[in-house]
C-alpha atoms as a PDB file:
ATOM      1  CA  MET A   1      11.259 -10.973 -19.590  1.00  0.00           C
ATOM      2  CA  ASN A   2       9.439  -8.636 -21.437  1.00  0.00           C
ATOM      3  CA  ARG A   3       5.403  -8.880 -22.000  1.00  0.00           C
ATOM      4  CA  PRO A   4       4.820 -11.706 -24.112  1.00  0.00           C
ATOM      5  CA  SER A   5       3.152 -11.691 -27.707  1.00  0.00           C
ATOM      6  CA  ARG A   6      -0.481 -12.596 -28.213  1.00  0.00           C
ATOM      7  CA  THR A   7       0.532 -15.557 -29.910  1.00  0.00           C
ATOM      8  CA  THR A   8       2.789 -16.843 -26.962  1.00  0.00           C
ATOM      9  CA  ARG A   9       0.314 -19.561 -25.095  1.00  0.00           C
ATOM     10  CA  PRO A  10       0.961 -19.907 -21.603  1.00  0.00           C
ATOM     11  CA  THR A  11       0.956 -23.481 -20.339  1.00  0.00           C
ATOM     12  CA  PHE A  12       0.112 -24.541 -16.632  1.00  0.00           C
ATOM     13  CA  ARG A  13       2.002 -27.325 -14.678  1.00  0.00           C
ATOM     14  CA  VAL A  14       1.851 -28.152 -10.926  1.00  0.00           C
ATOM     15  CA  ALA A  15       5.189 -27.516  -9.342  1.00  0.00           C
ATOM     16  CA  THR A  16       7.628 -29.723  -8.440  1.00  0.00           C
ATOM     17  CA  VAL A  17      10.735 -28.774  -5.554  1.00  0.00           C
ATOM     18  CA  ALA A  18      13.070 -27.739  -8.629  1.00  0.00           C
ATOM     19  CA  ASP A  19      10.639 -24.792  -8.878  1.00  0.00           C
ATOM     20  CA  VAL A  20      11.173 -23.492  -5.080  1.00  0.00           C
ATOM     21  CA  PRO A  21      14.048 -20.979  -5.962  1.00  0.00           C
ATOM     22  CA  THR A  22      12.012 -19.373  -8.626  1.00  0.00           C
ATOM     23  CA  LEU A  23       8.448 -19.473  -6.900  1.00  0.00           C
ATOM     24  CA  VAL A  24       9.719 -17.764  -3.810  1.00  0.00           C
ATOM     25  CA  LEU A  25      10.870 -15.057  -5.828  1.00  0.00           C
ATOM     26  CA  LEU A  26       7.789 -14.638  -8.090  1.00  0.00           C
ATOM     27  CA  VAL A  27       6.103 -14.594  -4.846  1.00  0.00           C
ATOM     28  CA  ASP A  28       8.410 -12.266  -2.753  1.00  0.00           C
ATOM     29  CA  SER A  29       8.447  -9.683  -6.001  1.00  0.00           C
ATOM     30  CA  ALA A  30       4.730  -9.510  -6.480  1.00  0.00           C
ATOM     31  CA  TYR A  31       4.069  -8.549  -3.032  1.00  0.00           C
ATOM     32  CA  ARG A  32       6.853  -6.860  -1.335  1.00  0.00           C
ATOM     33  CA  GLY A  33       9.775  -4.401  -1.483  1.00  0.00           C
ATOM     34  CA  GLU A  34      10.130  -1.991  -4.702  1.00  0.00           C
ATOM     35  CA  SER A  35      10.398  -4.415  -7.454  1.00  0.00           C
ATOM     36  CA  SER A  36       6.602  -5.061  -6.134  1.00  0.00           C
ATOM     37  CA  ARG A  37       5.688  -1.245  -7.381  1.00  0.00           C
ATOM     38  CA  ALA A  38       5.916  -1.943 -10.734  1.00  0.00           C
ATOM     39  CA  GLY A  39       2.730  -4.484 -10.767  1.00  0.00           C
ATOM     40  CA  TRP A  40      -0.969  -3.310  -8.597  1.00  0.00           C
ATOM     41  CA  THR A  41      -0.927  -6.105  -5.990  1.00  0.00           C
ATOM     42  CA  THR A  42       2.008  -4.588  -3.767  1.00  0.00           C
ATOM     43  CA  GLU A  43       1.703  -4.886  -0.258  1.00  0.00           C
ATOM     44  CA  ALA A  44       4.394  -2.847  -0.186  1.00  0.00           C
ATOM     45  CA  ASP A  45       2.375  -0.441   1.714  1.00  0.00           C
ATOM     46  CA  LEU A  46       1.187  -2.530   4.430  1.00  0.00           C
ATOM     47  CA  LEU A  47       3.886  -5.352   5.503  1.00  0.00           C
ATOM     48  CA  SER A  48       7.452  -5.416   4.888  1.00  0.00           C
ATOM     49  CA  GLY A  49      10.011  -8.278   4.818  1.00  0.00           C
ATOM     50  CA  ARG A  50       9.615 -11.862   3.568  1.00  0.00           C
ATOM     51  CA  ARG A  51       5.969 -12.742   1.995  1.00  0.00           C
ATOM     52  CA  THR A  52       7.650 -16.164   2.049  1.00  0.00           C
ATOM     53  CA  ASP A  53      10.773 -18.547   1.972  1.00  0.00           C
ATOM     54  CA  THR A  54      12.121 -21.729   0.410  1.00  0.00           C
ATOM     55  CA  ALA A  55      11.129 -23.676   3.859  1.00  0.00           C
ATOM     56  CA  ARG A  56       7.517 -22.417   3.376  1.00  0.00           C
ATOM     57  CA  VAL A  57       7.075 -23.584  -0.044  1.00  0.00           C
ATOM     58  CA  THR A  58       8.991 -26.745   0.615  1.00  0.00           C
ATOM     59  CA  ALA A  59       6.546 -27.550   2.773  1.00  0.00           C
ATOM     60  CA  GLU A  60       3.728 -26.764   1.234  1.00  0.00           C
ATOM     61  CA  LEU A  61       4.688 -28.898  -1.766  1.00  0.00           C
ATOM     62  CA  GLY A  62       5.173 -31.791   0.581  1.00  0.00           C
ATOM     63  CA  LYS A  63       1.627 -31.732   1.882  1.00  0.00           C
ATOM     64  CA  PRO A  64      -0.454 -34.213  -0.264  1.00  0.00           C
ATOM     65  CA  GLU A  65      -3.565 -31.579  -0.407  1.00  0.00           C
ATOM     66  CA  ASN A  66      -1.535 -28.792  -1.994  1.00  0.00           C
ATOM     67  CA  ARG A  67      -0.901 -28.517  -5.041  1.00  0.00           C
ATOM     68  CA  MET A  68       1.073 -25.137  -6.376  1.00  0.00           C
ATOM     69  CA  ILE A  69       0.327 -24.576  -9.904  1.00  0.00           C
ATOM     70  CA  VAL A  70       2.701 -22.618 -12.282  1.00  0.00           C
ATOM     71  CA  MET A  71       2.258 -20.467 -15.580  1.00  0.00           C
ATOM     72  CA  GLU A  72       4.707 -20.893 -17.780  1.00  0.00           C
ATOM     73  CA  VAL A  73       5.175 -18.553 -21.074  1.00  0.00           C
ATOM     74  CA  ASP A  74       8.377 -19.800 -23.264  1.00  0.00           C
ATOM     75  CA  ASP A  75       9.488 -22.042 -20.431  1.00  0.00           C
ATOM     76  CA  GLU A  76       9.463 -19.584 -17.787  1.00  0.00           C
ATOM     77  CA  ILE A  77       7.928 -19.387 -15.153  1.00  0.00           C
ATOM     78  CA  VAL A  78       5.235 -15.714 -14.679  1.00  0.00           C
ATOM     79  CA  ALA A  79       2.944 -16.510 -12.042  1.00  0.00           C
ATOM     80  CA  CYS A  80       1.887 -18.920  -9.568  1.00  0.00           C
ATOM     81  CA  CYS A  81      -0.960 -19.980  -7.111  1.00  0.00           C
ATOM     82  CA  GLN A  82      -1.531 -22.866  -4.279  1.00  0.00           C
ATOM     83  CA  VAL A  83      -4.532 -24.464  -4.254  1.00  0.00           C
ATOM     84  CA  GLU A  84      -5.135 -26.495  -1.297  1.00  0.00           C
ATOM     85  CA  HIS A  85      -8.372 -29.418  -1.049  1.00  0.00           C
ATOM     86  CA  ARG A  86      -9.684 -28.814   2.029  1.00  0.00           C
ATOM     87  CA  GLY A  87     -12.716 -31.857   2.176  1.00  0.00           C
ATOM     88  CA  GLU A  88     -16.110 -29.678   0.644  1.00  0.00           C
ATOM     89  CA  HIS A  89     -13.816 -26.519  -0.566  1.00  0.00           C
ATOM     90  CA  ALA A  90     -10.818 -26.334  -2.065  1.00  0.00           C
ATOM     91  CA  TYR A  91      -8.439 -23.017  -0.353  1.00  0.00           C
ATOM     92  CA  PHE A  92      -6.683 -20.077  -3.283  1.00  0.00           C
ATOM     93  CA  GLY A  93      -3.796 -18.594  -1.979  1.00  0.00           C
ATOM     94  CA  MET A  94       0.470 -17.574  -2.689  1.00  0.00           C
ATOM     95  CA  PHE A  95      -1.135 -16.113  -5.689  1.00  0.00           C
ATOM     96  CA  ALA A  96       1.558 -14.225  -7.701  1.00  0.00           C
ATOM     97  CA  VAL A  97       2.146 -12.940 -11.152  1.00  0.00           C
ATOM     98  CA  ARG A  98       5.138 -11.641 -12.257  1.00  0.00           C
ATOM     99  CA  PRO A  99       4.706  -7.418 -11.657  1.00  0.00           C
ATOM    100  CA  THR A 100       5.271  -6.600 -14.831  1.00  0.00           C
ATOM    101  CA  LEU A 101       2.877  -8.583 -16.290  1.00  0.00           C
ATOM    102  CA  GLN A 102       0.603  -7.810 -14.221  1.00  0.00           C
ATOM    103  CA  GLY A 103      -2.587  -6.177 -15.616  1.00  0.00           C
ATOM    104  CA  GLY A 104      -2.382  -8.237 -18.810  1.00  0.00           C
ATOM    105  CA  GLY A 105      -4.800 -11.235 -18.236  1.00  0.00           C
ATOM    106  CA  PHE A 106      -2.305 -14.047 -16.455  1.00  0.00           C
ATOM    107  CA  GLY A 107      -4.052 -13.521 -13.119  1.00  0.00           C
ATOM    108  CA  ARG A 108      -7.549 -14.216 -14.568  1.00  0.00           C
ATOM    109  CA  ALA A 109      -5.870 -16.860 -16.510  1.00  0.00           C
ATOM    110  CA  VAL A 110      -4.085 -18.817 -13.269  1.00  0.00           C
ATOM    111  CA  LEU A 111      -7.237 -17.965 -11.207  1.00  0.00           C
ATOM    112  CA  ALA A 112      -9.610 -20.175 -13.720  1.00  0.00           C
ATOM    113  CA  GLU A 113      -6.766 -22.516 -14.442  1.00  0.00           C
ATOM    114  CA  ALA A 114      -6.741 -23.282 -10.133  1.00  0.00           C
ATOM    115  CA  GLU A 115     -10.287 -23.738 -10.407  1.00  0.00           C
ATOM    116  CA  ARG A 116     -10.958 -26.219 -13.175  1.00  0.00           C
ATOM    117  CA  PHE A 117      -7.901 -27.756 -10.913  1.00  0.00           C
ATOM    118  CA  ALA A 118      -9.819 -27.906  -7.856  1.00  0.00           C
ATOM    119  CA  ARG A 119     -13.324 -29.017  -9.610  1.00  0.00           C
ATOM    120  CA  GLU A 120     -11.679 -31.631 -11.937  1.00  0.00           C
ATOM    121  CA  THR A 121      -9.099 -33.016  -9.550  1.00  0.00           C
ATOM    122  CA  TRP A 122     -10.996 -32.977  -6.163  1.00  0.00           C
ATOM    123  CA  GLY A 123     -14.511 -33.061  -7.385  1.00  0.00           C
ATOM    124  CA  VAL A 124     -14.790 -29.722  -5.084  1.00  0.00           C
ATOM    125  CA  ASN A 125     -17.780 -27.186  -6.273  1.00  0.00           C
ATOM    126  CA  GLU A 126     -15.953 -24.305  -4.299  1.00  0.00           C
ATOM    127  CA  MET A 127     -13.389 -22.191  -3.680  1.00  0.00           C
ATOM    128  CA  ARG A 128     -12.375 -20.117  -0.496  1.00  0.00           C
ATOM    129  CA  MET A 129      -9.836 -17.782  -0.051  1.00  0.00           C
ATOM    130  CA  THR A 130      -8.703 -15.075   2.094  1.00  0.00           C
ATOM    131  CA  VAL A 131      -7.774 -11.256   1.363  1.00  0.00           C
ATOM    132  CA  ILE A 132      -6.506  -8.469   3.592  1.00  0.00           C
ATOM    133  CA  SER A 133      -9.404  -6.338   4.050  1.00  0.00           C
ATOM    134  CA  VAL A 134      -7.859  -3.637   3.208  1.00  0.00           C
ATOM    135  CA  ARG A 135      -7.232  -4.205  -0.253  1.00  0.00           C
ATOM    136  CA  GLU A 136      -9.938  -3.215  -1.502  1.00  0.00           C
ATOM    137  CA  GLU A 137      -8.928  -2.700  -5.529  1.00  0.00           C
ATOM    138  CA  LEU A 138      -7.917  -6.845  -5.222  1.00  0.00           C
ATOM    139  CA  LEU A 139     -11.194  -7.425  -3.446  1.00  0.00           C
ATOM    140  CA  ALA A 140     -13.081  -5.912  -6.024  1.00  0.00           C
ATOM    141  CA  TRP A 141     -10.936  -7.899  -8.685  1.00  0.00           C
ATOM    142  CA  TYR A 142     -11.992 -10.861  -7.125  1.00  0.00           C
ATOM    143  CA  VAL A 143     -15.726  -9.930  -6.691  1.00  0.00           C
ATOM    144  CA  ARG A 144     -15.366  -9.296 -10.711  1.00  0.00           C
ATOM    145  CA  ARG A 145     -14.068 -12.895 -10.964  1.00  0.00           C
ATOM    146  CA  GLY A 146     -17.592 -14.291  -9.320  1.00  0.00           C
ATOM    147  CA  TYR A 147     -15.942 -14.127  -5.715  1.00  0.00           C
ATOM    148  CA  THR A 148     -18.328 -13.148  -2.717  1.00  0.00           C
ATOM    149  CA  ARG A 149     -17.641 -10.999  -0.312  1.00  0.00           C
ATOM    150  CA  THR A 150     -18.449 -13.117   3.411  1.00  0.00           C
ATOM    151  CA  GLY A 151     -18.106 -10.205   5.508  1.00  0.00           C
ATOM    152  CA  GLU A 152     -16.587 -13.057   7.715  1.00  0.00           C
ATOM    153  CA  THR A 153     -12.770 -11.721   9.228  1.00  0.00           C
ATOM    154  CA  ILE A 154     -10.550 -13.758  10.511  1.00  0.00           C
ATOM    155  CA  PRO A 155      -7.443 -11.524  12.443  1.00  0.00           C
ATOM    156  CA  PHE A 156      -4.275 -10.924  10.831  1.00  0.00           C
ATOM    157  CA  PRO A 157      -1.392 -13.348  12.421  1.00  0.00           C
ATOM    158  CA  TYR A 158       0.441 -10.502  14.005  1.00  0.00           C
ATOM    159  CA  GLU A 159       2.889 -12.959  15.705  1.00  0.00           C
ATOM    160  CA  ASP A 160       3.555 -14.906  12.806  1.00  0.00           C
ATOM    161  CA  GLU A 161       6.976 -13.201  11.910  1.00  0.00           C
ATOM    162  CA  SER A 162       6.717 -15.284   8.413  1.00  0.00           C
ATOM    163  CA  VAL A 163       4.143 -13.102   6.843  1.00  0.00           C
ATOM    164  CA  GLY A 164       6.065 -10.088   7.247  1.00  0.00           C
ATOM    165  CA  VAL A 165       6.695  -7.105   9.254  1.00  0.00           C
ATOM    166  CA  PRO A 166       2.750  -4.812   9.504  1.00  0.00           C
ATOM    167  CA  HIS A 167       2.659  -1.285   9.080  1.00  0.00           C
ATOM    168  CA  ARG A 168      -0.617  -1.263  10.639  1.00  0.00           C
ATOM    169  CA  GLU A 169      -2.364  -2.511  13.331  1.00  0.00           C
ATOM    170  CA  ASP A 170      -6.160  -2.780  11.442  1.00  0.00           C
ATOM    171  CA  LEU A 171      -5.339  -5.211   9.272  1.00  0.00           C
ATOM    172  CA  GLU A 172      -7.927  -8.374   8.959  1.00  0.00           C
ATOM    173  CA  MET A 173      -8.118 -11.216   6.670  1.00  0.00           C
ATOM    174  CA  GLU A 174     -11.548 -11.390   4.833  1.00  0.00           C
ATOM    175  CA  LEU A 175     -13.119 -14.873   3.595  1.00  0.00           C
ATOM    176  CA  LEU A 176     -14.123 -14.727  -0.239  1.00  0.00           C
ATOM    177  CA  VAL A 177     -15.979 -17.500  -1.274  1.00  0.00           C
ATOM    178  CA  ARG A 178     -17.227 -18.600  -5.026  1.00  0.00           C
ATOM    179  CA  LYS A 179     -19.182 -21.635  -6.165  1.00  0.00           C
ATOM    180  CA  LEU A 180     -17.679 -23.413  -9.299  1.00  0.00           C
ATOM    181  CA  GLY A 181     -19.866 -24.403 -12.077  1.00  0.00           C
END
């Protein structure tokens, strides 16, 4: 897909099991391998292997506290994210925008939709996420969107092969938080 025209309006919906193959390809292409280098969110220099797989995405869709939100342009999925209800807050993850469309405002729109969804559907007033702490450009992007770097970190799951094969030994996850309107 080429970059959509300014008159093309993206739409949002909750993903279904039928979307799983597309979501797996989208998430992997945004973060891993050579295709990810077309965008700015690549983790290819930090990790190799898959970012997710069919079993994981299917399992996430099956959890009652989870929703995968997809953005479509011209009936094609171009971005997605996972939103998980965790009591008083929601957790934001599995966020991906097609690499060739990154930098065009799609990520901002998906993040805003996830926040709206969590606030209106679950009544939560806070969104949380974790980001690999060495991803300074990505952390700065979230800060510009109103997220606060807490300084709280959790160890990177080195033993979990499902997140990929790390190329560094200094990875950890930093917690970011945003109060929702």
